[in-house]
């Protein structure tokens, strides 16, 4: 009788274990597909944006692209809003939010549209400007993105180092190369990185949370 109960318990335990394993596999498979979709959509949008701004003015000179950026890019997703004849006519959009440029970081296989305003909903779909003069302009422009720890948005910024390259394309189609020169963590209350003096140089600051969400990871880069 004891052996029969033991065998039954063992069987039930094995069944439960198999169900848990299958559940874990399904969870990670769905998560992988979801994250891959996010990255693919962003990559497609980057290509569409850059294609549109280049076609808009074929005489625009793209400067400071000292390295070739080879990333998996297709054409889709960014649309041009031509419904109104006002100042918003022709505004490039991504998932309902205005786009002001793109960001590419080959080292961590990152490429996203940069949204105009960092609202709560906007940064759920891409990275966004959160202050400063604007992309590729003199001064310090802040770009923020979530750290979802799943490979999307700024999740892999922690793997960047001084000397790594960041490519920013603005609304005119100009692509500039920025080189990282300072990386540090600070408190959520610290805003000093937003106010730093750039000595008339073009700089960007990437901001995201650390993995434990208790601090902020700050990455400073300037045009070569």
Protein backbone atom coordinates (compact mmCIF):
# COMPACT_ATOMS: atom_id res chain seq x y z
CA UNK A 1 0.00 0.00 0.00
CA UNK A 2 2.82 2.38 0.90
CA UNK A 3 4.60 1.66 -2.35
CA UNK A 4 1.37 2.28 -4.28
CA UNK A 5 0.83 5.66 -2.63
CA UNK A 6 4.48 6.56 -3.17
CA UNK A 7 4.26 5.65 -6.84
CA UNK A 8 1.06 7.66 -7.28
CA UNK A 9 2.61 10.70 -5.58
CA UNK A 10 5.68 10.38 -7.77
CA UNK A 11 3.55 10.23 -10.90
CA UNK A 12 1.57 13.31 -9.85
CA UNK A 13 4.84 15.12 -9.08
CA UNK A 14 6.23 14.25 -12.51
CA UNK A 15 3.06 15.46 -14.24
CA UNK A 16 3.17 18.75 -12.33
CA UNK A 17 6.86 19.14 -13.18
CA UNK A 18 6.20 18.55 -16.88
CA UNK A 19 3.34 21.09 -16.85
CA UNK A 20 5.62 23.68 -15.21
CA UNK A 21 8.38 23.06 -17.77
CA UNK A 22 5.94 23.38 -20.66
CA UNK A 23 4.57 26.60 -19.15
CA UNK A 24 8.06 28.06 -18.83
CA UNK A 25 8.89 27.14 -22.42
CA UNK A 26 5.68 28.74 -23.68
CA UNK A 27 6.32 31.89 -21.62
CA UNK A 28 9.84 32.40 -22.94
CA UNK A 29 8.77 31.57 -26.50
CA UNK A 30 5.99 34.16 -26.43
CA UNK A 31 8.31 36.70 -24.80
CA UNK A 32 10.98 36.08 -27.45
CA UNK A 33 8.48 36.50 -30.29
CA UNK A 34 7.11 39.68 -28.72
CA UNK A 35 10.56 41.20 -28.26
CA UNK A 36 11.62 40.20 -31.77
CA UNK A 37 8.51 41.88 -33.14
CA UNK A 38 9.31 45.09 -31.26
CA UNK A 39 12.86 45.15 -32.59
CA UNK A 40 11.76 44.34 -36.15
CA UNK A 41 9.12 47.07 -36.12
CA UNK A 42 11.64 49.60 -34.85
CA UNK A 43 14.21 48.52 -37.43
CA UNK A 44 11.67 48.85 -40.21
CA UNK A 45 10.68 52.29 -38.98
CA UNK A 46 14.31 53.46 -38.87
CA UNK A 47 14.81 52.48 -42.49
CA UNK A 48 11.58 54.14 -43.59
CA UNK A 49 12.40 57.37 -41.78
CA UNK A 50 15.90 57.60 -43.22
CA UNK A 51 14.62 56.70 -46.68
CA UNK A 52 11.96 59.41 -46.55
CA UNK A 53 14.24 62.19 -45.38
CA UNK A 54 16.84 61.28 -47.99
CA UNK A 55 14.27 61.25 -50.78
CA UNK A 56 12.89 64.58 -49.57
CA UNK A 57 16.14 66.31 -50.39
CA UNK A 58 18.60 64.27 -52.41
CA UNK A 59 21.12 67.08 -52.15
CA UNK A 60 21.31 66.90 -48.35
CA UNK A 61 24.84 66.10 -47.29
CA UNK A 62 25.18 63.52 -44.55
CA UNK A 63 28.29 64.32 -42.56
CA UNK A 64 30.48 62.61 -40.03
CA UNK A 65 29.53 59.05 -40.98
CA UNK A 66 33.05 57.72 -40.59
CA UNK A 67 31.94 54.11 -40.16
CA UNK A 68 29.49 51.93 -42.08
CA UNK A 69 26.51 50.86 -40.00
CA UNK A 70 25.34 47.39 -41.04
CA UNK A 71 22.06 46.49 -39.36
CA UNK A 72 19.06 44.41 -40.35
CA UNK A 73 16.71 47.04 -41.79
CA UNK A 74 13.50 46.67 -43.80
CA UNK A 75 10.98 49.20 -45.07
CA UNK A 76 7.69 49.68 -43.12
CA UNK A 77 5.79 51.25 -40.24
CA UNK A 78 6.65 54.96 -40.23
CA UNK A 79 3.86 56.79 -42.02
CA UNK A 80 3.56 60.38 -43.14
CA UNK A 81 0.62 62.27 -41.71
CA UNK A 82 -0.80 64.32 -44.58
CA UNK A 83 -4.36 64.60 -43.32
CA UNK A 84 -4.00 68.25 -42.36
CA UNK A 85 -2.61 71.15 -44.34
CA UNK A 86 -1.36 72.83 -41.17
CA UNK A 87 2.00 72.72 -39.48
CA UNK A 88 1.60 69.00 -38.71
CA UNK A 89 1.23 68.08 -42.35
CA UNK A 90 4.01 65.70 -43.36
CA UNK A 91 4.93 64.86 -39.78
CA UNK A 92 6.48 61.41 -39.60
CA UNK A 93 4.75 59.13 -37.11
CA UNK A 94 5.49 55.85 -35.37
CA UNK A 95 2.60 54.06 -33.68
CA UNK A 96 0.76 57.35 -33.33
CA UNK A 97 3.66 59.45 -32.01
CA UNK A 98 5.68 62.15 -33.87
CA UNK A 99 9.22 61.12 -34.85
CA UNK A 100 12.18 63.53 -34.90
CA UNK A 101 14.95 61.13 -35.91
CA UNK A 102 16.56 57.77 -35.33
CA UNK A 103 19.22 56.27 -33.08
CA UNK A 104 21.53 53.37 -33.95
CA UNK A 105 24.10 51.70 -31.69
CA UNK A 106 25.74 48.82 -33.58
CA UNK A 107 27.55 47.37 -30.56
CA UNK A 108 24.27 46.38 -28.90
CA UNK A 109 22.29 45.97 -32.15
CA UNK A 110 20.02 48.87 -31.24
CA UNK A 111 18.03 50.97 -33.69
CA UNK A 112 14.86 52.89 -32.88
CA UNK A 113 12.88 55.88 -34.03
CA UNK A 114 13.39 58.79 -31.62
CA UNK A 115 10.01 60.21 -30.62
CA UNK A 116 9.47 63.93 -30.18
CA UNK A 117 8.13 63.93 -26.61
CA UNK A 118 8.82 61.55 -23.75
CA UNK A 119 5.28 61.02 -22.53
CA UNK A 120 4.44 57.96 -20.47
CA UNK A 121 2.72 56.25 -23.39
CA UNK A 122 5.35 57.29 -25.94
CA UNK A 123 8.23 55.61 -24.11
CA UNK A 124 6.26 52.40 -24.03
CA UNK A 125 6.75 52.09 -27.81
CA UNK A 126 10.20 53.64 -28.39
CA UNK A 127 12.86 55.98 -27.00
CA UNK A 128 12.17 59.72 -26.87
CA UNK A 129 13.64 63.19 -26.42
CA UNK A 130 13.30 64.49 -22.86
CA UNK A 131 14.99 67.87 -23.09
CA UNK A 132 17.67 69.87 -24.84
CA UNK A 133 17.95 71.72 -28.16
CA UNK A 134 17.06 68.75 -30.38
CA UNK A 135 18.84 66.03 -32.31
CA UNK A 136 22.18 66.99 -33.87
CA UNK A 137 22.00 70.54 -32.53
CA UNK A 138 24.56 72.37 -30.42
CA UNK A 139 24.05 71.59 -26.76
CA UNK A 140 23.00 68.54 -24.79
CA UNK A 141 19.94 66.61 -25.95
CA UNK A 142 18.47 64.02 -23.58
CA UNK A 143 17.11 60.73 -24.92
CA UNK A 144 15.37 58.42 -22.46
CA UNK A 145 14.25 54.82 -22.81
CA UNK A 146 12.97 52.02 -20.63
CA UNK A 147 15.12 49.19 -19.32
CA UNK A 148 12.77 46.23 -19.64
CA UNK A 149 15.67 43.78 -19.20
CA UNK A 150 14.52 41.84 -22.23
CA UNK A 151 16.75 43.26 -24.94
CA UNK A 152 14.39 46.05 -26.06
CA UNK A 153 14.82 49.83 -25.87
CA UNK A 154 17.77 50.74 -23.57
CA UNK A 155 17.93 47.34 -21.83
CA UNK A 156 21.47 46.67 -23.07
CA UNK A 157 22.95 50.12 -22.48
CA UNK A 158 24.83 48.65 -19.53
CA UNK A 159 27.00 46.79 -22.06
CA UNK A 160 28.30 50.01 -23.64
CA UNK A 161 31.75 51.44 -22.95
CA UNK A 162 33.65 54.67 -23.50
CA UNK A 163 34.64 54.92 -27.14
CA UNK A 164 31.57 53.14 -28.49
CA UNK A 165 29.71 54.84 -31.33
CA UNK A 166 26.14 56.14 -31.48
CA UNK A 167 24.58 57.27 -34.76
CA UNK A 168 21.86 59.91 -34.74
CA UNK A 169 19.86 60.86 -37.84
CA UNK A 170 17.73 64.00 -37.57
CA UNK A 171 14.71 65.26 -39.52
CA UNK A 172 16.89 66.75 -42.27
CA UNK A 173 18.49 63.38 -43.00
CA UNK A 174 21.83 64.38 -41.50
CA UNK A 175 23.50 61.48 -39.71
CA UNK A 176 26.17 62.28 -37.12
CA UNK A 177 28.50 59.99 -35.21
CA UNK A 178 28.68 60.44 -31.44
CA UNK A 179 31.38 58.85 -29.29
CA UNK A 180 30.66 57.84 -25.69
CA UNK A 181 33.03 59.54 -23.25
CA UNK A 182 31.36 59.13 -19.84
CA UNK A 183 29.19 56.45 -18.23
CA UNK A 184 27.96 56.52 -14.65
CA UNK A 185 25.02 55.80 -12.36
CA UNK A 186 23.22 58.32 -10.20
CA UNK A 187 20.07 58.78 -8.15
CA UNK A 188 16.66 59.34 -9.73
CA UNK A 189 16.61 62.80 -8.17
CA UNK A 190 19.88 63.92 -9.78
CA UNK A 191 19.32 66.10 -12.87
CA UNK A 192 22.81 67.54 -13.21
CA UNK A 193 23.42 65.58 -16.41
CA UNK A 194 20.65 67.60 -18.08
CA UNK A 195 22.29 70.93 -17.34
CA UNK A 196 25.93 70.31 -18.16
CA UNK A 197 27.90 72.75 -20.32
CA UNK A 198 28.90 71.38 -23.72
CA UNK A 199 31.17 74.25 -24.81
CA UNK A 200 29.26 74.74 -28.07
CA UNK A 201 29.54 71.06 -29.00
CA UNK A 202 26.78 68.69 -30.04
CA UNK A 203 26.11 66.11 -27.36
CA UNK A 204 23.51 63.54 -26.39
CA UNK A 205 22.76 61.87 -23.08
CA UNK A 206 21.09 58.46 -22.92
CA UNK A 207 19.15 57.83 -19.73
CA UNK A 208 17.61 54.63 -18.41
CA UNK A 209 17.09 52.76 -15.16
CA UNK A 210 19.57 50.29 -13.73
CA UNK A 211 18.41 46.68 -13.52
CA UNK A 212 17.34 47.07 -9.91
CA UNK A 213 15.39 50.27 -10.84
CA UNK A 214 16.96 52.10 -7.87
CA UNK A 215 19.39 54.23 -9.88
CA UNK A 216 19.78 55.85 -13.30
CA UNK A 217 22.37 54.83 -15.89
CA UNK A 218 23.71 57.90 -17.66
CA UNK A 219 25.66 57.72 -20.93
CA UNK A 220 27.23 60.89 -22.33
CA UNK A 221 28.44 61.15 -25.92
CA UNK A 222 29.62 63.93 -28.20
CA UNK A 223 30.12 64.41 -31.92
CA UNK A 224 33.58 63.34 -33.10
